[in-house]
Each structure stands twice: as structure tokens, then as C-alpha cells.
Amino acid sequence: MAKKKAPLRTAPAVTDGPIPVVGAREACPCGSGRRYKACHGREAAHAVAELVQRPFEGLPGEGDWVALRELVPAATVPLTLNAATLATANGEVPSVTLATVLPMAWPAMRRQDGSIMLGLQTQTSSGDLSRDLADALVLALAAEPGSPVPPRRPAPGGPRLQELLDVDAAFEPAVHTGFEFWLEDAENATGEVAASLEQANAAVIPTEKLESVAHAYWCQAPDRNHLRWVMPHAEEPLLDALARLSASGEASLGEGTKLVGSFRAHGLVVPVWDLPQTMTADDCEKPAAAFAERLAAALAVSEPLTAEQRKARASLSSRQVTLS
């Protein structure tokens, strides 16, 4: 006798707004009676496949957005909403702050005073990080004070950050030594809250933002220090320029430093230098500014690479890693 198939587990029908994500074999929440993978799951899978290579393009400080997403453990940036976005808020919004990460990796949270914190280092689901962040921001604007925003997959065609923020406002990250910015009154934290904060702070890698050049971050590692510099230039010309400087011995930041490779992150190239443990962020300022001038000159060269430069470029390409 043939074994009867188990009926689909029922789910409440969803008639408005985004369809919640459920297991592939579960009933689709839209109420169609079909499995999720054969209904709205197909649309979700297609959306994930459409990866946006540069989700922060068009926002001020694109390189810093990338750095805060991938490199910097603890940092915050005030965000300015455009007038149309503010008009959709549930009550007054005193401030909106971008944070590298929030407690429990929440996408966003609405504080008791109505202010909003938007988490950048969260799990993405749509293939477009800008859309994921915008969806969390929209939910936070509608949330009651004191509420975290749970993760969800944004609706296809939903807004992106570029549509919600004032793209003419400055983007000025503040790098922190810990996560005290999570709490409205961190100095008076006690018990489990204080213990959790202490544990999170213990994992922070000391990081500082350089002032002499844009989008460059020094960090202190156990055996050596590093400079990781998010560069806005197109990849192919940038690699050519770095190869020219490497071949001529001009790619270092001074004695004991070395350009060891690069990685791609959100459509931008991030060269990485090894530094001596004694080299501080302040020590990097002048060498980095001088390197920026050499790089600008190398980027302006249009002649084909020499054999030695091609060899240097191949070496750089072989040590390039893609993060996202």
C-alpha cells in the first residue's frame, strides 16, 4: 500500500507586505497551498542570485561603508534621512546612527528615546546589501520605542539606502575601542549586561582611521600591524598602478613595511600592508599621504606594462581574495 504523503504544514496566509521566509518544503505563507520552494521561494532564490556588486555606490563615503562592513569592529556614523523618509516615521526620530554591529546582530533597533541604530554587519538575504539595510531602517522607523528589528528578507523592488538617506550629507565614521555605544547608559551597566559588554569589548581588534587619506584603517594584530585601505578606483587601472609602484620599489610605506596583497569587497579593491608592531596609526599618516601622491601619478600613466611590471601585477592578482 502506497504511503500517503504528509500534508503540508499550514501557515497563516499573508496578503500584504513581504512574504516571510520559511523552510523550502513548508507551505508558502501566502496561502497558495503550494510548498514555499515552488511558490514565493522561487522569487526569493532569484533575488538572492542577483548580487549587487557595489551596494554602496552613490552614497557619500562609499569606501568607509565598505570598511565598516568588513574591516572595523566597532564604529558609528550619524546618518541623515531625507525629508520623504522622515515623513514616514512613527513619531519623532531624534537621530539615526549607523553601527558596525548591534547586540545579537540585530539589523536595527529603536531606542526608548525614539532614536534609531542601524546595524551594518548583519546577515544579508536579498543579494543587495543596500536593500537589506534600507528594509531594516524602514522597519525601525515604524517600530515602537524600545524595540529591536528582527531579520527578514526584504520585498523585491523595495527601497535602497540611496533612496532613504540624504546623499549630500557628510559621512564621518567614529571608531571606538568598545561597544559602549550599544547602551544609553553604559557607565552604569551592571550584572549580565556589564558582563556581556566586557566580553564583546575583549574581542575588539584595536583599529584607527587615518586622517591624511580617505578610507584607510590601521589595526593592531598579535604579531604585526596592518594598514587596510579601501580604494575607489576601478580595479584594472588600480592593479596596473600598484604593479608599477611594486616594480619600482615604491609600494611600501617605509622601512619594514610591505604591500602583501589585496582583497575585493563590495566592488572595491582593498590593498593591505604589513607593518612593524612598533608602527602606530600616527606613524602611517605621512607615508600614506606620500603613497597617495605616488599612486595618483601611477594611475595617470597610460603606457603598457613592462615585463617586470606584468610580473608584479600577476603576483598581486594571485594574492587577491574576494570577500563579497
Protein backbone atom coordinates (compact mmCIF):
# COMPACT_ATOMS: atom_id res chain seq x y z
CA MET A 1 0.00 0.00 0.00
CA ALA A 2 1.43 3.34 -1.02
CA LYS A 3 2.46 5.56 1.81
CA LYS A 4 0.41 8.72 2.00
CA LYS A 5 2.28 11.95 1.73
CA ALA A 6 2.20 14.06 4.85
CA PRO A 7 0.05 17.13 4.35
CA LEU A 8 1.78 20.46 4.09
CA ARG A 9 2.05 22.18 7.44
CA THR A 10 -0.36 25.05 7.33
CA ALA A 11 0.84 28.60 7.69
CA PRO A 12 -1.13 31.80 8.16
CA ALA A 13 -1.90 33.44 4.84
CA VAL A 14 -0.07 36.66 4.07
CA THR A 15 -1.98 39.11 1.93
CA ASP A 16 0.03 42.31 2.37
CA GLY A 17 3.72 43.11 2.68
CA PRO A 18 6.74 40.85 2.26
CA ILE A 19 6.29 37.08 2.41
CA PRO A 20 8.11 35.62 5.45
CA VAL A 21 10.91 33.13 4.81
CA VAL A 22 10.06 29.54 5.77
CA GLY A 23 11.52 26.10 5.06
CA ALA A 24 11.65 25.08 1.41
CA ARG A 25 9.19 22.20 1.94
CA GLU A 26 6.78 24.09 4.16
CA ALA A 27 3.53 25.63 2.95
CA CYS A 28 4.06 29.08 1.44
CA PRO A 29 2.81 31.77 3.88
CA CYS A 30 0.93 33.46 1.02
CA GLY A 31 -1.80 30.84 1.38
CA SER A 32 -1.50 29.38 -2.12
CA GLY A 33 -1.33 25.81 -0.80
CA ARG A 34 1.96 25.16 -2.59
CA ARG A 35 5.32 24.49 -0.99
CA TYR A 36 7.43 27.58 -0.37
CA LYS A 37 10.17 26.47 -2.79
CA ALA A 38 7.61 26.17 -5.61
CA CYS A 39 5.91 29.47 -4.84
CA HIS A 40 7.45 32.63 -3.35
CA GLY A 41 10.67 30.73 -2.61
CA ARG A 42 11.47 30.82 -6.32
CA GLU A 43 11.24 34.58 -6.35
CA ALA A 44 13.38 34.81 -3.21
CA ALA A 45 16.03 32.49 -4.68
CA HIS A 46 16.12 34.58 -7.86
CA ALA A 47 16.55 37.76 -5.82
CA VAL A 48 19.48 36.26 -3.91
CA ALA A 49 21.17 35.30 -7.18
CA GLU A 50 21.05 38.90 -8.44
CA LEU A 51 24.04 40.11 -6.46
CA VAL A 52 24.66 43.85 -6.48
CA GLN A 53 28.43 44.19 -6.75
CA ARG A 54 28.65 47.74 -5.35
CA PRO A 55 25.72 48.17 -2.95
CA PHE A 56 27.07 51.45 -1.50
CA GLU A 57 27.76 53.15 -4.83
CA GLY A 58 26.24 56.62 -4.88
CA LEU A 59 26.39 57.05 -1.10
CA PRO A 60 28.86 59.51 0.43
CA GLY A 61 31.93 57.73 1.78
CA GLU A 62 31.47 54.51 -0.20
CA GLY A 63 34.92 53.31 0.88
CA ASP A 64 34.10 53.86 4.54
CA TRP A 65 30.82 51.94 4.19
CA VAL A 66 32.88 49.02 2.88
CA ALA A 67 35.45 49.36 5.65
CA LEU A 68 32.84 49.44 8.41
CA ARG A 69 31.12 46.42 6.92
CA GLU A 70 34.25 44.29 6.52
CA LEU A 71 37.21 45.70 8.48
CA VAL A 72 36.28 47.77 11.51
CA PRO A 73 34.98 46.05 14.67
CA ALA A 74 33.39 48.99 16.49
CA ALA A 75 32.38 52.27 14.87
CA THR A 76 29.38 54.56 14.48
CA VAL A 77 28.31 57.19 11.95
CA PRO A 78 25.42 59.68 12.19
CA LEU A 79 23.07 59.26 9.22
CA THR A 80 20.84 61.96 7.76
CA LEU A 81 17.47 60.86 6.40
CA ASN A 82 15.90 62.73 3.52
CA ALA A 83 12.65 64.60 4.09
CA ALA A 84 10.47 61.96 2.41
CA THR A 85 11.84 59.24 4.69
CA LEU A 86 11.38 61.29 7.85
CA ALA A 87 7.74 61.81 6.93
CA THR A 88 7.14 58.04 7.23
CA ALA A 89 8.44 57.74 10.80
CA ASN A 90 6.30 56.60 13.72
CA GLY A 91 6.72 59.70 15.87
CA GLU A 92 9.76 61.92 16.17
CA VAL A 93 13.19 60.44 15.32
CA PRO A 94 15.85 62.31 17.33
CA SER A 95 18.73 60.67 15.47
CA VAL A 96 19.73 57.76 13.23
CA THR A 97 23.12 56.15 13.78
CA LEU A 98 24.86 53.53 11.68
CA ALA A 99 26.76 51.00 13.82
CA THR A 100 29.17 48.32 12.69
CA VAL A 101 27.27 45.73 14.72
CA LEU A 102 24.43 45.68 17.24
CA PRO A 103 23.67 43.29 20.13
CA MET A 104 22.52 39.87 18.89
CA ALA A 105 23.46 41.09 15.38
CA TRP A 106 20.07 42.81 15.17
CA PRO A 107 19.53 44.58 11.83
CA ALA A 108 18.30 47.68 13.69
CA MET A 109 16.83 48.86 16.97
CA ARG A 110 14.60 51.69 18.13
CA ARG A 111 15.76 53.06 21.47
CA GLN A 112 13.43 54.19 24.23
CA ASP A 113 14.04 57.82 23.27
CA GLY A 114 12.92 57.12 19.68
CA SER A 115 16.40 57.23 18.17
CA ILE A 116 17.41 54.50 15.73
CA MET A 117 20.55 52.41 15.39
CA LEU A 118 21.13 50.57 12.12
CA GLY A 119 23.48 47.57 12.13
CA LEU A 120 25.84 47.14 9.19
CA GLN A 121 27.47 43.79 9.95
CA THR A 122 24.36 41.63 9.60
CA GLN A 123 23.47 38.58 7.55
CA THR A 124 22.19 39.58 4.11
CA SER A 125 19.41 37.83 2.24
CA SER A 126 18.44 39.69 -0.93
CA GLY A 127 21.74 39.93 -2.81
CA ASP A 128 21.63 43.70 -2.38
CA LEU A 129 23.06 44.84 0.94
CA SER A 130 21.73 48.35 0.40
CA ARG A 131 18.19 46.99 0.07
CA ASP A 132 18.59 44.81 3.18
CA LEU A 133 19.76 47.78 5.23
CA ALA A 134 17.03 50.02 3.87
CA ASP A 135 14.38 47.45 4.80
CA ALA A 136 15.71 47.31 8.38
CA LEU A 137 15.66 51.11 8.53
CA VAL A 138 12.05 51.24 7.30
CA LEU A 139 11.04 48.73 9.97
CA ALA A 140 12.86 50.74 12.64
CA LEU A 141 11.08 53.92 11.60
CA ALA A 142 7.73 52.17 12.11
CA ALA A 143 8.73 50.38 15.35
CA GLU A 144 7.67 51.36 18.83
CA PRO A 145 10.42 52.81 21.06
CA GLY A 146 12.40 50.11 22.87
CA SER A 147 12.01 47.56 20.06
CA PRO A 148 14.68 45.64 18.14
CA VAL A 149 14.10 44.93 14.44
CA PRO A 150 14.10 41.19 13.60
CA PRO A 151 15.80 39.92 10.44
CA ARG A 152 13.68 39.28 7.35
CA ARG A 153 14.06 39.16 3.58
CA PRO A 154 13.02 42.49 2.02
CA ALA A 155 10.35 42.58 -0.65
CA PRO A 156 11.67 42.66 -4.25
CA GLY A 157 11.68 46.21 -5.51
CA GLY A 158 11.81 47.68 -2.01
CA PRO A 159 13.74 50.90 -1.33
CA ARG A 160 17.53 51.11 -1.14
CA LEU A 161 19.61 53.27 1.19
CA GLN A 162 20.28 55.64 -1.69
CA GLU A 163 16.53 56.44 -1.72
CA LEU A 164 16.19 56.95 2.05
CA LEU A 165 19.29 58.91 3.01
CA ASP A 166 20.39 62.44 2.24
CA VAL A 167 23.18 61.60 -0.21
CA ASP A 168 24.65 65.09 0.12
CA ALA A 169 25.28 64.75 3.87
CA ALA A 170 28.77 64.05 5.19
CA PHE A 171 29.72 60.51 6.21
CA GLU A 172 32.21 60.70 9.08
CA PRO A 173 32.85 57.45 10.99
CA ALA A 174 33.92 57.48 14.62
CA VAL A 175 35.99 54.41 15.53
CA HIS A 176 35.53 53.12 19.09
CA THR A 177 37.59 50.89 21.36
CA GLY A 178 34.48 49.03 22.52
CA PHE A 179 30.71 48.68 22.19
CA GLU A 180 29.58 51.10 24.89
CA PHE A 181 27.52 52.81 22.17
CA TRP A 182 25.09 49.88 22.43
CA LEU A 183 23.79 51.23 25.72
CA GLU A 184 22.22 54.56 26.58
CA ASP A 185 23.91 54.48 29.99
CA ALA A 186 26.92 52.17 29.63
CA GLU A 187 28.74 53.64 32.64
CA ASN A 188 26.09 52.33 34.99
CA ALA A 189 25.69 48.88 33.43
CA THR A 190 25.72 46.01 35.92
CA GLY A 191 25.21 42.26 36.09
CA GLU A 192 24.77 40.29 32.87
CA VAL A 193 24.66 43.45 30.76
CA ALA A 194 28.04 44.60 32.05
CA ALA A 195 29.50 41.09 31.65
CA SER A 196 28.26 40.81 28.06
CA LEU A 197 29.68 44.21 27.21
CA GLU A 198 33.04 43.30 28.73
CA GLN A 199 33.13 40.05 26.75
CA ALA A 200 32.33 41.84 23.49
CA ASN A 201 34.95 44.51 24.13
CA ALA A 202 37.63 41.89 24.78
CA ALA A 203 37.29 40.65 21.18
CA VAL A 204 37.81 44.08 19.59
CA ILE A 205 40.96 44.41 17.47
CA PRO A 206 42.45 47.89 18.08
CA THR A 207 41.66 49.92 14.95
CA GLU A 208 42.15 53.56 13.97
CA LYS A 209 41.12 55.58 10.94
CA LEU A 210 43.84 57.59 9.20
CA GLU A 211 43.27 61.31 8.78
CA SER A 212 45.72 62.07 5.96
CA VAL A 213 43.98 59.87 3.38
CA ALA A 214 40.45 58.62 2.88
CA HIS A 215 39.14 55.13 3.73
CA ALA A 216 42.40 53.80 5.27
CA TYR A 217 42.38 51.91 8.57
CA TRP A 218 45.30 50.82 10.77
CA CYS A 219 44.85 47.82 13.01
CA GLN A 220 46.97 46.09 15.63
CA ALA A 221 47.41 42.33 15.25
CA PRO A 222 49.20 39.95 17.66
CA ASP A 223 52.37 39.54 15.59
CA ARG A 224 52.29 42.55 13.26
CA ASN A 225 50.19 45.59 12.46
CA HIS A 226 48.33 46.21 9.21
CA LEU A 227 47.06 49.05 7.08
CA ARG A 228 43.97 48.22 5.02
CA TRP A 229 42.99 50.88 2.54
CA VAL A 230 39.71 50.81 0.62
CA MET A 231 40.34 52.46 -2.75
CA PRO A 232 37.62 53.92 -5.00
CA HIS A 233 39.48 53.43 -8.28
CA ALA A 234 38.42 50.96 -10.97
CA GLU A 235 40.09 47.60 -10.35
CA GLU A 236 42.11 47.14 -13.54
CA PRO A 237 43.76 50.60 -13.60
CA LEU A 238 44.40 50.35 -9.86
CA LEU A 239 46.14 46.98 -10.15
CA ASP A 240 48.23 48.34 -13.03
CA ALA A 241 49.24 51.33 -10.92
CA LEU A 242 50.09 49.16 -7.91
CA ALA A 243 52.15 46.92 -10.18
CA ARG A 244 54.12 49.91 -11.50
CA LEU A 245 54.87 51.01 -7.96
CA SER A 246 55.77 47.49 -6.83
CA ALA A 247 58.17 47.00 -9.73
CA SER A 248 59.92 50.28 -8.96
CA GLY A 249 60.14 49.59 -5.21
CA GLU A 250 57.71 52.40 -4.35
CA ALA A 251 54.81 50.37 -2.99
CA SER A 252 55.90 50.27 0.65
CA LEU A 253 55.02 52.69 3.43
CA GLY A 254 58.55 52.86 4.78
CA GLU A 255 61.15 50.61 6.35
CA GLY A 256 59.82 47.24 7.48
CA THR A 257 56.51 47.63 5.63
CA LYS A 258 55.29 45.61 2.68
CA LEU A 259 52.32 45.59 0.32
CA VAL A 260 51.29 41.96 0.79
CA GLY A 261 48.21 41.80 -1.41
CA SER A 262 44.63 42.96 -1.61
CA PHE A 263 41.06 41.77 -1.43
CA ARG A 264 37.82 42.74 -3.11
CA ALA A 265 34.90 43.85 -1.00
CA HIS A 266 31.59 45.12 -2.35
CA GLY A 267 33.10 46.02 -5.70
CA LEU A 268 36.16 47.86 -4.41
CA VAL A 269 39.80 46.79 -4.05
CA VAL A 270 41.42 46.94 -0.61
CA PRO A 271 45.25 46.80 -0.65
CA VAL A 272 46.83 45.52 2.57
CA TRP A 273 50.25 46.37 4.02
CA ASP A 274 52.11 44.52 6.75
CA LEU A 275 53.62 46.92 9.28
CA PRO A 276 56.09 46.50 12.13
CA GLN A 277 54.46 46.14 15.54
CA THR A 278 56.09 49.40 16.56
CA MET A 279 54.38 51.35 13.75
CA THR A 280 51.32 53.19 15.04
CA ALA A 281 48.45 54.79 13.16
CA ASP A 282 50.12 58.20 13.61
CA ASP A 283 53.30 56.78 12.09
CA CYS A 284 51.32 55.82 8.98
CA GLU A 285 49.94 59.28 8.25
CA LYS A 286 52.85 60.84 6.32
CA PRO A 287 53.86 57.64 4.46
CA ALA A 288 50.25 57.08 3.42
CA ALA A 289 49.90 60.63 2.12
CA ALA A 290 53.14 60.25 0.17
CA PHE A 291 51.96 56.92 -1.25
CA ALA A 292 48.69 58.53 -2.36
CA GLU A 293 50.69 61.01 -4.44
CA ARG A 294 52.77 58.22 -6.00
CA LEU A 295 49.61 56.25 -6.73
CA ALA A 296 47.95 59.23 -8.42
CA ALA A 297 50.98 59.62 -10.67
CA ALA A 298 51.00 55.89 -11.49
CA LEU A 299 47.28 55.95 -12.29
CA ALA A 300 47.93 58.72 -14.83
CA VAL A 301 50.40 56.57 -16.82
CA SER A 302 48.84 55.03 -19.94
CA GLU A 303 51.76 53.08 -21.41
CA PRO A 304 51.56 49.26 -21.45
CA LEU A 305 53.15 47.48 -18.51
CA THR A 306 56.73 46.33 -18.88
CA ALA A 307 57.66 42.67 -18.38
CA GLU A 308 58.75 43.38 -14.80
CA GLN A 309 55.53 45.29 -14.10
CA ARG A 310 53.41 42.48 -15.56
CA LYS A 311 55.20 40.05 -13.26
CA ALA A 312 54.43 42.31 -10.29
CA ARG A 313 50.79 42.55 -11.36
CA ALA A 314 50.49 38.78 -11.64
CA SER A 315 51.88 38.46 -8.14
CA LEU A 316 49.35 40.96 -6.80
CA SER A 317 46.47 39.24 -8.60
CA SER A 318 47.48 35.83 -7.25
CA ARG A 319 47.25 37.16 -3.70
CA GLN A 320 43.85 38.81 -4.14
CA VAL A 321 40.91 37.43 -2.19
CA THR A 322 37.25 38.25 -2.74
CA LEU A 323 35.29 38.81 0.48
CA SER A 324 31.97 39.79 -1.06
